[in-house]
Amino acid sequence: MVFIDEQDEFSPDNWLRRRDKLIRLTSRHSLNAEAQLTALYNGGLKMPMSCTTCETTAQSRDSSVTFHTLEVVGDGKTLTPSINELKDKFGPINIPVSLACDGGGRGEFKLITKSKGFSWESGATGCGYWKGPLLRDVPLAAGVKEGKHTDEGKQRWVTFKAADEPSEGKCEICIPLDYALDPAND
């Protein structure tokens, strides 16, 4: 039997399992929750998944990796590997990764001037292990050559686009292609 919290019963994400040890900062949808500081401290350098900060900005899609694909447009070649193909084709690395929300100080900032965004607190951080291929290996497999990447003086980018469908447009973030291909940055 699956227990659905009363706060989540009519949420579009009610199918997602919630971690009851997180501090909820919003009541329903979208969900923003962060870890209790005691749990972060007790977790040490590598925090347990139960302490991982949660932020949703739109209805979450089925997260089964069976349906995930990636599109990599290289120089004259396009790859669309599945998650399993990424695992099989590229040798994985396993590195500790620490993430912290940029909105951690927004509450104090709002005391000085008006600001958009949500006010996270001290528990909006996490550190765990990421396992997978080096980012640089994927564009190289798509035919992207190492070296400077500019088109008519304009920088080329690696763009990460979320699969969810928020009302205000997809969430995207990018980094310069030259940065992504530099082995010192992975």
N, C-alpha and C. Protein backbone atom coordinates (compact mmCIF):
# COMPACT_ATOMS: atom_id res chain seq x y z
N MET A 1 0.84 -1.19 0.00
CA MET A 1 0.00 0.00 0.00
C MET A 1 0.89 1.25 0.00
N VAL A 2 0.57 2.20 -0.85
CA VAL A 2 1.32 3.44 -0.94
C VAL A 2 0.57 4.53 -0.20
N PHE A 3 1.27 5.22 0.70
CA PHE A 3 0.66 6.32 1.43
C PHE A 3 0.96 7.62 0.70
N ILE A 4 -0.08 8.39 0.41
CA ILE A 4 0.08 9.69 -0.22
C ILE A 4 -0.28 10.75 0.80
N ASP A 5 0.66 11.64 1.08
CA ASP A 5 0.43 12.72 2.03
C ASP A 5 -0.77 13.54 1.59
N GLU A 6 -1.56 13.96 2.56
CA GLU A 6 -2.76 14.77 2.29
C GLU A 6 -2.43 16.01 1.45
N GLN A 7 -1.25 16.60 1.68
CA GLN A 7 -0.84 17.79 0.93
C GLN A 7 -0.62 17.49 -0.55
N ASP A 8 -0.33 16.22 -0.86
CA ASP A 8 -0.01 15.83 -2.24
C ASP A 8 -1.14 15.13 -2.96
N GLU A 9 -2.24 14.86 -2.27
CA GLU A 9 -3.30 14.02 -2.81
C GLU A 9 -3.80 14.48 -4.18
N PHE A 10 -3.98 15.78 -4.36
CA PHE A 10 -4.52 16.28 -5.63
C PHE A 10 -3.46 17.01 -6.47
N SER A 11 -2.21 16.82 -6.11
CA SER A 11 -1.10 17.41 -6.87
C SER A 11 -0.89 16.63 -8.16
N PRO A 12 -0.46 17.30 -9.24
CA PRO A 12 -0.15 16.56 -10.47
C PRO A 12 1.01 15.58 -10.29
N ASP A 13 1.76 15.75 -9.21
CA ASP A 13 2.90 14.86 -8.94
C ASP A 13 2.62 13.87 -7.82
N ASN A 14 1.35 13.55 -7.58
CA ASN A 14 1.04 12.68 -6.44
C ASN A 14 1.58 11.25 -6.60
N TRP A 15 2.03 10.90 -7.78
CA TRP A 15 2.61 9.58 -8.02
C TRP A 15 4.06 9.48 -7.52
N LEU A 16 4.69 10.64 -7.25
CA LEU A 16 6.07 10.64 -6.77
C LEU A 16 6.12 10.33 -5.28
N ARG A 17 7.09 9.50 -4.89
CA ARG A 17 7.28 9.21 -3.48
C ARG A 17 7.96 10.40 -2.82
N ARG A 18 7.45 10.86 -1.71
CA ARG A 18 8.04 11.99 -0.99
C ARG A 18 8.86 11.48 0.19
N ARG A 19 9.93 12.17 0.50
CA ARG A 19 10.75 11.83 1.66
C ARG A 19 10.25 12.66 2.84
N ASP A 20 9.70 11.99 3.84
CA ASP A 20 9.06 12.70 4.94
C ASP A 20 10.04 13.41 5.87
N LYS A 21 11.33 13.14 5.76
CA LYS A 21 12.31 13.80 6.63
C LYS A 21 12.71 15.19 6.12
N LEU A 22 12.33 15.54 4.90
CA LEU A 22 12.66 16.86 4.37
C LEU A 22 11.72 17.92 4.94
N ILE A 23 12.22 19.12 5.05
CA ILE A 23 11.41 20.25 5.50
C ILE A 23 10.74 20.85 4.27
N ARG A 24 9.42 20.80 4.25
CA ARG A 24 8.68 21.36 3.11
C ARG A 24 8.63 22.87 3.24
N LEU A 25 9.02 23.55 2.18
CA LEU A 25 9.00 25.01 2.18
C LEU A 25 7.80 25.56 1.41
N THR A 26 7.17 24.71 0.63
CA THR A 26 5.93 25.06 -0.06
C THR A 26 4.93 23.97 0.28
N SER A 27 3.65 24.30 0.20
CA SER A 27 2.66 23.35 0.67
C SER A 27 2.28 22.29 -0.35
N ARG A 28 1.98 22.68 -1.56
CA ARG A 28 1.51 21.70 -2.55
C ARG A 28 2.43 21.66 -3.75
N HIS A 29 1.95 22.07 -4.89
CA HIS A 29 2.73 22.01 -6.13
C HIS A 29 3.12 23.43 -6.50
N SER A 30 4.29 23.73 -6.82
CA SER A 30 5.44 22.85 -6.95
C SER A 30 6.06 22.58 -5.58
N LEU A 31 6.74 21.45 -5.47
CA LEU A 31 7.32 21.06 -4.20
C LEU A 31 8.74 21.61 -4.07
N ASN A 32 8.98 22.28 -2.97
CA ASN A 32 10.32 22.71 -2.61
C ASN A 32 10.56 22.23 -1.19
N ALA A 33 11.60 21.43 -1.00
CA ALA A 33 11.89 20.88 0.31
C ALA A 33 13.40 20.76 0.47
N GLU A 34 13.85 20.97 1.70
CA GLU A 34 15.29 20.87 1.96
C GLU A 34 15.52 20.00 3.19
N ALA A 35 16.77 19.60 3.38
CA ALA A 35 17.12 18.69 4.46
C ALA A 35 17.18 19.42 5.81
N GLN A 36 16.97 18.64 6.86
CA GLN A 36 17.17 19.15 8.20
C GLN A 36 18.68 19.25 8.42
N LEU A 37 19.14 20.32 9.06
CA LEU A 37 20.58 20.52 9.23
C LEU A 37 21.23 19.39 10.03
N THR A 38 20.52 18.84 11.01
CA THR A 38 21.06 17.73 11.79
C THR A 38 21.32 16.53 10.89
N ALA A 39 20.40 16.25 9.98
CA ALA A 39 20.58 15.12 9.05
C ALA A 39 21.76 15.37 8.12
N LEU A 40 21.94 16.60 7.66
CA LEU A 40 23.09 16.93 6.81
C LEU A 40 24.39 16.73 7.58
N TYR A 41 24.43 17.21 8.80
CA TYR A 41 25.63 17.09 9.63
C TYR A 41 25.95 15.62 9.90
N ASN A 42 24.94 14.86 10.29
CA ASN A 42 25.14 13.44 10.60
C ASN A 42 25.51 12.63 9.36
N GLY A 43 25.08 13.08 8.19
CA GLY A 43 25.39 12.38 6.95
C GLY A 43 26.85 12.49 6.56
N GLY A 44 27.52 13.52 7.05
CA GLY A 44 28.93 13.70 6.72
C GLY A 44 29.12 14.20 5.30
N LEU A 45 30.32 13.99 4.78
CA LEU A 45 30.66 14.50 3.46
C LEU A 45 29.77 13.93 2.38
N LYS A 46 29.51 12.62 2.42
CA LYS A 46 28.60 12.02 1.45
C LYS A 46 27.24 11.87 2.12
N MET A 47 26.31 12.68 1.68
CA MET A 47 24.99 12.69 2.30
C MET A 47 24.12 11.57 1.75
N PRO A 48 23.28 10.99 2.61
CA PRO A 48 22.34 9.98 2.11
C PRO A 48 21.29 10.63 1.21
N MET A 49 20.74 9.86 0.28
CA MET A 49 19.73 10.39 -0.64
C MET A 49 18.53 10.98 0.10
N SER A 50 18.26 10.48 1.30
CA SER A 50 17.12 11.01 2.06
C SER A 50 17.31 12.47 2.43
N CYS A 51 18.54 12.97 2.33
CA CYS A 51 18.82 14.38 2.65
C CYS A 51 18.85 15.27 1.42
N THR A 52 18.66 14.72 0.26
CA THR A 52 18.80 15.50 -0.96
C THR A 52 17.69 16.52 -1.11
N THR A 53 18.06 17.75 -1.40
CA THR A 53 17.10 18.83 -1.62
C THR A 53 16.20 18.49 -2.80
N CYS A 54 14.93 18.88 -2.70
CA CYS A 54 13.97 18.61 -3.77
C CYS A 54 13.38 19.92 -4.25
N GLU A 55 13.41 20.12 -5.56
CA GLU A 55 12.75 21.30 -6.13
C GLU A 55 12.07 20.88 -7.42
N THR A 56 10.78 21.17 -7.52
CA THR A 56 10.07 20.94 -8.77
C THR A 56 9.48 22.26 -9.22
N THR A 57 9.55 22.52 -10.50
CA THR A 57 9.01 23.77 -11.03
C THR A 57 7.83 23.53 -11.95
N ALA A 58 7.58 22.28 -12.29
CA ALA A 58 6.46 21.92 -13.15
C ALA A 58 6.09 20.48 -12.85
N GLN A 59 5.03 20.01 -13.45
CA GLN A 59 4.63 18.63 -13.25
C GLN A 59 5.75 17.71 -13.71
N SER A 60 6.12 16.77 -12.87
CA SER A 60 7.20 15.84 -13.19
C SER A 60 6.71 14.75 -14.12
N ARG A 61 7.56 14.40 -15.06
CA ARG A 61 7.24 13.32 -15.99
C ARG A 61 7.69 12.00 -15.39
N ASP A 62 7.22 10.92 -15.97
CA ASP A 62 7.65 9.59 -15.53
C ASP A 62 9.17 9.54 -15.60
N SER A 63 9.79 9.25 -14.48
CA SER A 63 11.24 9.29 -14.43
C SER A 63 11.90 7.96 -14.74
N SER A 64 11.16 7.02 -15.27
CA SER A 64 11.74 5.73 -15.64
C SER A 64 12.77 5.94 -16.74
N VAL A 65 13.99 5.49 -16.51
CA VAL A 65 15.06 5.72 -17.49
C VAL A 65 14.83 4.97 -18.79
N THR A 66 13.88 4.07 -18.81
CA THR A 66 13.56 3.34 -20.04
C THR A 66 13.21 4.30 -21.17
N PHE A 67 12.57 5.42 -20.84
CA PHE A 67 12.07 6.34 -21.85
C PHE A 67 12.99 7.54 -22.09
N HIS A 68 14.06 7.67 -21.34
CA HIS A 68 14.95 8.83 -21.49
C HIS A 68 15.83 8.67 -22.72
N THR A 69 15.95 9.75 -23.47
CA THR A 69 16.89 9.78 -24.59
C THR A 69 17.66 11.09 -24.54
N LEU A 70 18.69 11.13 -25.29
CA LEU A 70 19.56 12.29 -25.33
C LEU A 70 19.81 12.59 -26.80
N GLU A 71 19.78 13.85 -27.17
CA GLU A 71 20.10 14.22 -28.54
C GLU A 71 21.39 15.02 -28.53
N VAL A 72 22.38 14.53 -29.25
CA VAL A 72 23.67 15.20 -29.35
C VAL A 72 23.92 15.51 -30.82
N VAL A 73 23.94 16.80 -31.14
CA VAL A 73 24.17 17.22 -32.52
C VAL A 73 25.64 17.62 -32.62
N GLY A 74 26.39 16.84 -33.37
CA GLY A 74 27.81 17.10 -33.53
C GLY A 74 28.09 17.74 -34.87
N ASP A 75 29.33 17.67 -35.28
CA ASP A 75 29.74 18.20 -36.58
C ASP A 75 29.44 17.15 -37.64
N GLY A 76 28.25 17.24 -38.24
CA GLY A 76 27.86 16.32 -39.29
C GLY A 76 27.30 15.00 -38.81
N LYS A 77 27.08 14.86 -37.52
CA LYS A 77 26.59 13.59 -36.98
C LYS A 77 25.67 13.88 -35.80
N THR A 78 24.55 13.18 -35.70
CA THR A 78 23.64 13.33 -34.57
C THR A 78 23.51 11.98 -33.87
N LEU A 79 23.68 12.00 -32.55
CA LEU A 79 23.49 10.80 -31.74
C LEU A 79 22.22 10.95 -30.92
N THR A 80 21.47 9.86 -30.74
CA THR A 80 20.31 9.86 -29.85
C THR A 80 20.37 8.61 -28.97
N PRO A 81 21.37 8.54 -28.09
CA PRO A 81 21.51 7.34 -27.27
C PRO A 81 20.50 7.29 -26.13
N SER A 82 20.12 6.08 -25.76
CA SER A 82 19.30 5.87 -24.57
C SER A 82 20.24 5.88 -23.36
N ILE A 83 19.68 5.87 -22.17
CA ILE A 83 20.50 5.81 -20.96
C ILE A 83 21.33 4.53 -20.96
N ASN A 84 20.71 3.41 -21.33
CA ASN A 84 21.45 2.14 -21.36
C ASN A 84 22.59 2.17 -22.37
N GLU A 85 22.38 2.81 -23.52
CA GLU A 85 23.45 2.93 -24.52
C GLU A 85 24.60 3.79 -24.00
N LEU A 86 24.27 4.84 -23.24
CA LEU A 86 25.33 5.66 -22.63
C LEU A 86 26.15 4.81 -21.66
N LYS A 87 25.45 3.98 -20.88
CA LYS A 87 26.15 3.13 -19.91
C LYS A 87 27.05 2.12 -20.62
N ASP A 88 26.56 1.55 -21.72
CA ASP A 88 27.30 0.51 -22.42
C ASP A 88 28.47 1.06 -23.25
N LYS A 89 28.28 2.22 -23.87
CA LYS A 89 29.28 2.73 -24.82
C LYS A 89 30.42 3.49 -24.15
N PHE A 90 30.14 4.19 -23.06
CA PHE A 90 31.14 5.04 -22.44
C PHE A 90 31.53 4.49 -21.08
N GLY A 91 32.84 4.52 -20.80
CA GLY A 91 33.31 4.10 -19.49
C GLY A 91 32.88 5.10 -18.43
N PRO A 92 32.30 4.62 -17.33
CA PRO A 92 31.80 5.56 -16.33
C PRO A 92 32.90 6.06 -15.39
N ILE A 93 32.66 7.23 -14.86
CA ILE A 93 33.46 7.75 -13.76
C ILE A 93 32.52 7.81 -12.56
N ASN A 94 33.06 7.92 -11.38
CA ASN A 94 32.26 8.00 -10.16
C ASN A 94 32.90 9.07 -9.30
N ILE A 95 32.27 10.25 -9.22
CA ILE A 95 32.87 11.38 -8.52
C ILE A 95 31.89 12.00 -7.54
N PRO A 96 32.40 12.52 -6.40
CA PRO A 96 31.51 13.23 -5.48
C PRO A 96 31.14 14.58 -6.07
N VAL A 97 29.88 14.93 -5.95
CA VAL A 97 29.38 16.20 -6.49
C VAL A 97 28.59 16.90 -5.40
N SER A 98 28.92 18.15 -5.16
CA SER A 98 28.21 18.95 -4.17
C SER A 98 27.37 20.00 -4.89
N LEU A 99 26.11 20.08 -4.54
CA LEU A 99 25.20 21.06 -5.12
C LEU A 99 24.60 21.91 -4.01
N ALA A 100 24.49 23.18 -4.27
CA ALA A 100 23.82 24.09 -3.34
C ALA A 100 22.94 25.02 -4.14
N CYS A 101 21.82 25.39 -3.59
CA CYS A 101 20.89 26.27 -4.29
C CYS A 101 21.39 27.71 -4.25
N ASP A 102 21.35 28.38 -5.39
CA ASP A 102 21.76 29.78 -5.44
C ASP A 102 20.83 30.68 -4.65
N GLY A 103 19.63 30.19 -4.35
CA GLY A 103 18.66 31.01 -3.61
C GLY A 103 18.83 30.92 -2.11
N GLY A 104 19.93 30.33 -1.64
CA GLY A 104 20.14 30.14 -0.21
C GLY A 104 20.19 31.43 0.59
N GLY A 105 20.61 32.52 0.00
CA GLY A 105 20.67 33.79 0.72
C GLY A 105 19.60 34.77 0.29
N ARG A 106 18.65 34.30 -0.51
CA ARG A 106 17.65 35.21 -1.08
C ARG A 106 16.78 35.85 0.00
N GLY A 107 16.48 35.11 1.08
CA GLY A 107 15.65 35.67 2.14
C GLY A 107 16.25 36.93 2.73
N GLU A 108 17.57 36.89 2.99
CA GLU A 108 18.26 38.07 3.53
C GLU A 108 18.33 39.18 2.48
N PHE A 109 18.55 38.80 1.23
CA PHE A 109 18.61 39.78 0.14
C PHE A 109 17.28 40.52 0.01
N LYS A 110 16.17 39.81 0.21
CA LYS A 110 14.85 40.43 0.09
C LYS A 110 14.59 41.46 1.18
N LEU A 111 15.35 41.41 2.26
CA LEU A 111 15.22 42.42 3.30
C LEU A 111 15.73 43.78 2.81
N ILE A 112 16.61 43.75 1.82
CA ILE A 112 17.21 44.97 1.29
C ILE A 112 16.46 45.49 0.07
N THR A 113 16.12 44.59 -0.84
CA THR A 113 15.45 44.99 -2.08
C THR A 113 14.54 43.88 -2.56
N LYS A 114 13.56 44.23 -3.37
CA LYS A 114 12.63 43.25 -3.90
C LYS A 114 13.37 42.30 -4.86
N SER A 115 13.04 41.03 -4.77
CA SER A 115 13.71 40.02 -5.60
C SER A 115 12.73 38.93 -5.97
N LYS A 116 12.84 38.42 -7.19
CA LYS A 116 12.03 37.28 -7.61
C LYS A 116 12.68 36.01 -7.11
N GLY A 117 11.88 35.01 -6.93
CA GLY A 117 12.44 33.71 -6.57
C GLY A 117 12.07 33.28 -5.17
N PHE A 118 12.36 32.04 -4.90
CA PHE A 118 12.00 31.40 -3.65
C PHE A 118 13.14 31.53 -2.65
N SER A 119 12.82 31.69 -1.37
CA SER A 119 13.83 31.84 -0.33
C SER A 119 14.17 30.48 0.29
N TRP A 120 15.27 29.92 -0.13
CA TRP A 120 15.76 28.68 0.47
C TRP A 120 16.48 29.01 1.76
N GLU A 121 16.66 28.02 2.60
CA GLU A 121 17.36 28.21 3.87
C GLU A 121 18.69 27.44 3.83
N SER A 122 19.26 27.17 4.98
CA SER A 122 20.60 26.55 5.07
C SER A 122 20.66 25.11 4.60
N GLY A 123 19.54 24.41 4.58
CA GLY A 123 19.55 22.99 4.21
C GLY A 123 19.43 22.73 2.72
N ALA A 124 19.48 23.76 1.89
CA ALA A 124 19.34 23.58 0.44
C ALA A 124 20.68 23.24 -0.18
N THR A 125 21.22 22.13 0.23
CA THR A 125 22.51 21.67 -0.27
C THR A 125 22.53 20.15 -0.25
N GLY A 126 23.47 19.58 -0.93
CA GLY A 126 23.59 18.13 -0.93
C GLY A 126 24.90 17.70 -1.56
N CYS A 127 25.38 16.54 -1.18
CA CYS A 127 26.59 15.98 -1.76
C CYS A 127 26.39 14.48 -1.90
N GLY A 128 26.56 14.00 -3.10
CA GLY A 128 26.42 12.57 -3.35
C GLY A 128 27.38 12.19 -4.46
N TYR A 129 27.32 10.95 -4.88
CA TYR A 129 28.19 10.50 -5.96
C TYR A 129 27.44 10.48 -7.27
N TRP A 130 28.07 11.00 -8.30
CA TRP A 130 27.51 10.96 -9.65
C TRP A 130 28.31 9.93 -10.42
N LYS A 131 27.61 9.03 -11.10
CA LYS A 131 28.28 7.99 -11.88
C LYS A 131 27.75 8.05 -13.30
N GLY A 132 28.65 8.12 -14.25
CA GLY A 132 28.26 8.17 -15.65
C GLY A 132 29.43 8.53 -16.52
N PRO A 133 29.18 8.74 -17.81
CA PRO A 133 30.27 9.08 -18.72
C PRO A 133 30.74 10.51 -18.51
N LEU A 134 31.96 10.78 -18.93
CA LEU A 134 32.43 12.16 -18.95
C LEU A 134 31.61 12.93 -19.98
N LEU A 135 31.22 14.14 -19.66
CA LEU A 135 30.45 14.96 -20.59
C LEU A 135 31.19 15.10 -21.92
N ARG A 136 32.48 15.31 -21.88
CA ARG A 136 33.27 15.55 -23.10
C ARG A 136 33.23 14.37 -24.06
N ASP A 137 33.10 13.15 -23.54
CA ASP A 137 33.12 11.96 -24.40
C ASP A 137 31.91 11.88 -25.33
N VAL A 138 30.78 12.42 -24.90
CA VAL A 138 29.55 12.31 -25.70
C VAL A 138 29.61 13.19 -26.95
N PRO A 139 29.93 14.49 -26.87
CA PRO A 139 30.05 15.27 -28.11
C PRO A 139 31.20 14.78 -29.01
N LEU A 140 32.28 14.30 -28.40
CA LEU A 140 33.37 13.77 -29.23
C LEU A 140 32.90 12.57 -30.04
N ALA A 141 32.04 11.72 -29.46
CA ALA A 141 31.49 10.57 -30.19
C ALA A 141 30.55 11.02 -31.31
N ALA A 142 30.00 12.23 -31.19
CA ALA A 142 29.12 12.77 -32.23
C ALA A 142 29.90 13.51 -33.31
N GLY A 143 31.22 13.41 -33.26
CA GLY A 143 32.03 14.02 -34.32
C GLY A 143 32.54 15.41 -34.02
N VAL A 144 32.28 15.94 -32.83
CA VAL A 144 32.80 17.26 -32.48
C VAL A 144 34.31 17.11 -32.26
N LYS A 145 35.07 17.97 -32.88
CA LYS A 145 36.53 17.92 -32.77
C LYS A 145 37.00 18.77 -31.59
N GLU A 146 38.11 18.35 -31.00
CA GLU A 146 38.69 19.15 -29.92
C GLU A 146 39.31 20.41 -30.52
N GLY A 147 39.38 21.47 -29.72
CA GLY A 147 39.93 22.74 -30.19
C GLY A 147 38.93 23.85 -29.96
N LYS A 148 39.24 25.03 -30.45
CA LYS A 148 38.35 26.18 -30.27
C LYS A 148 37.10 26.03 -31.12
N HIS A 149 35.95 26.37 -30.55
CA HIS A 149 34.68 26.21 -31.25
C HIS A 149 33.93 27.53 -31.32
N THR A 150 34.12 28.21 -32.40
CA THR A 150 33.38 29.44 -32.65
C THR A 150 32.87 29.41 -34.08
N ASP A 151 31.69 29.93 -34.29
CA ASP A 151 31.13 30.09 -35.63
C ASP A 151 31.04 31.58 -35.88
N GLU A 152 31.86 32.07 -36.81
CA GLU A 152 31.90 33.49 -37.15
C GLU A 152 32.05 34.35 -35.90
N GLY A 153 32.95 33.93 -35.02
CA GLY A 153 33.23 34.69 -33.81
C GLY A 153 32.26 34.44 -32.67
N LYS A 154 31.25 33.59 -32.86
CA LYS A 154 30.28 33.31 -31.81
C LYS A 154 30.59 31.97 -31.15
N GLN A 155 30.50 31.96 -29.83
CA GLN A 155 30.76 30.76 -29.04
C GLN A 155 29.70 29.69 -29.29
N ARG A 156 30.11 28.41 -29.34
CA ARG A 156 29.16 27.29 -29.41
C ARG A 156 28.94 26.77 -28.00
N TRP A 157 27.77 26.19 -27.76
CA TRP A 157 27.36 25.82 -26.41
C TRP A 157 26.87 24.38 -26.32
N VAL A 158 26.97 23.81 -25.12
CA VAL A 158 26.30 22.56 -24.77
C VAL A 158 25.08 22.98 -23.97
N THR A 159 23.90 22.62 -24.45
CA THR A 159 22.65 23.03 -23.81
C THR A 159 21.96 21.84 -23.18
N PHE A 160 21.56 22.00 -21.93
CA PHE A 160 20.80 20.98 -21.21
C PHE A 160 19.38 21.49 -21.09
N LYS A 161 18.42 20.72 -21.59
CA LYS A 161 17.03 21.15 -21.59
C LYS A 161 16.19 20.14 -20.81
N ALA A 162 15.40 20.63 -19.85
CA ALA A 162 14.55 19.75 -19.05
C ALA A 162 13.42 19.17 -19.90
N ALA A 163 12.95 18.01 -19.50
CA ALA A 163 11.89 17.34 -20.25
C ALA A 163 10.49 17.75 -19.79
N ASP A 164 10.40 18.43 -18.65
CA ASP A 164 9.07 18.81 -18.16
C ASP A 164 8.48 19.93 -19.01
N GLU A 165 7.21 20.22 -18.80
CA GLU A 165 6.49 21.21 -19.62
C GLU A 165 5.91 22.33 -18.75
N PRO A 166 6.74 23.20 -18.19
CA PRO A 166 6.21 24.30 -17.38
C PRO A 166 5.47 25.31 -18.25
N SER A 167 4.59 26.09 -17.63
CA SER A 167 3.77 27.04 -18.37
C SER A 167 4.60 28.18 -18.97
N GLU A 168 5.76 28.46 -18.39
CA GLU A 168 6.56 29.60 -18.85
C GLU A 168 7.73 29.19 -19.74
N GLY A 169 7.68 28.02 -20.33
CA GLY A 169 8.77 27.57 -21.20
C GLY A 169 9.71 26.61 -20.51
N LYS A 170 10.41 25.84 -21.31
CA LYS A 170 11.31 24.82 -20.77
C LYS A 170 12.49 25.45 -20.04
N CYS A 171 12.94 24.74 -19.01
CA CYS A 171 14.11 25.16 -18.26
C CYS A 171 15.35 24.69 -19.01
N GLU A 172 16.24 25.61 -19.32
CA GLU A 172 17.47 25.28 -20.04
C GLU A 172 18.65 25.94 -19.34
N ILE A 173 19.76 25.27 -19.42
CA ILE A 173 21.01 25.85 -18.93
C ILE A 173 22.10 25.39 -19.89
N CYS A 174 23.13 26.20 -20.06
CA CYS A 174 24.17 25.81 -21.01
C CYS A 174 25.55 26.20 -20.48
N ILE A 175 26.55 25.53 -21.05
CA ILE A 175 27.94 25.86 -20.76
C ILE A 175 28.68 25.93 -22.09
N PRO A 176 29.76 26.71 -22.17
CA PRO A 176 30.50 26.79 -23.43
C PRO A 176 31.04 25.42 -23.85
N LEU A 177 30.94 25.11 -25.12
CA LEU A 177 31.43 23.83 -25.65
C LEU A 177 32.91 23.64 -25.35
N ASP A 178 33.71 24.70 -25.50
CA ASP A 178 35.14 24.60 -25.21
C ASP A 178 35.38 24.17 -23.76
N TYR A 179 34.58 24.70 -22.85
CA TYR A 179 34.69 24.34 -21.43
C TYR A 179 34.33 22.86 -21.24
N ALA A 180 33.25 22.41 -21.89
CA ALA A 180 32.80 21.02 -21.75
C ALA A 180 33.82 20.04 -22.30
N LEU A 181 34.54 20.42 -23.34
CA LEU A 181 35.51 19.52 -23.97
C LEU A 181 36.87 19.49 -23.28
N ASP A 182 37.11 20.44 -22.39
CA ASP A 182 38.39 20.50 -21.68
C ASP A 182 38.44 19.39 -20.63
N PRO A 183 39.36 18.42 -20.75
CA PRO A 183 39.39 17.30 -19.81
C PRO A 183 39.63 17.73 -18.36
N ALA A 184 40.20 18.91 -18.16
CA ALA A 184 40.44 19.39 -16.79
C ALA A 184 39.14 19.76 -16.09
N ASN A 185 38.05 19.93 -16.83
CA ASN A 185 36.79 20.38 -16.23
C ASN A 185 35.85 19.24 -15.86
N ASP A 186 36.17 18.02 -16.20
CA ASP A 186 35.31 16.89 -15.80
C ASP A 186 35.84 16.31 -14.57
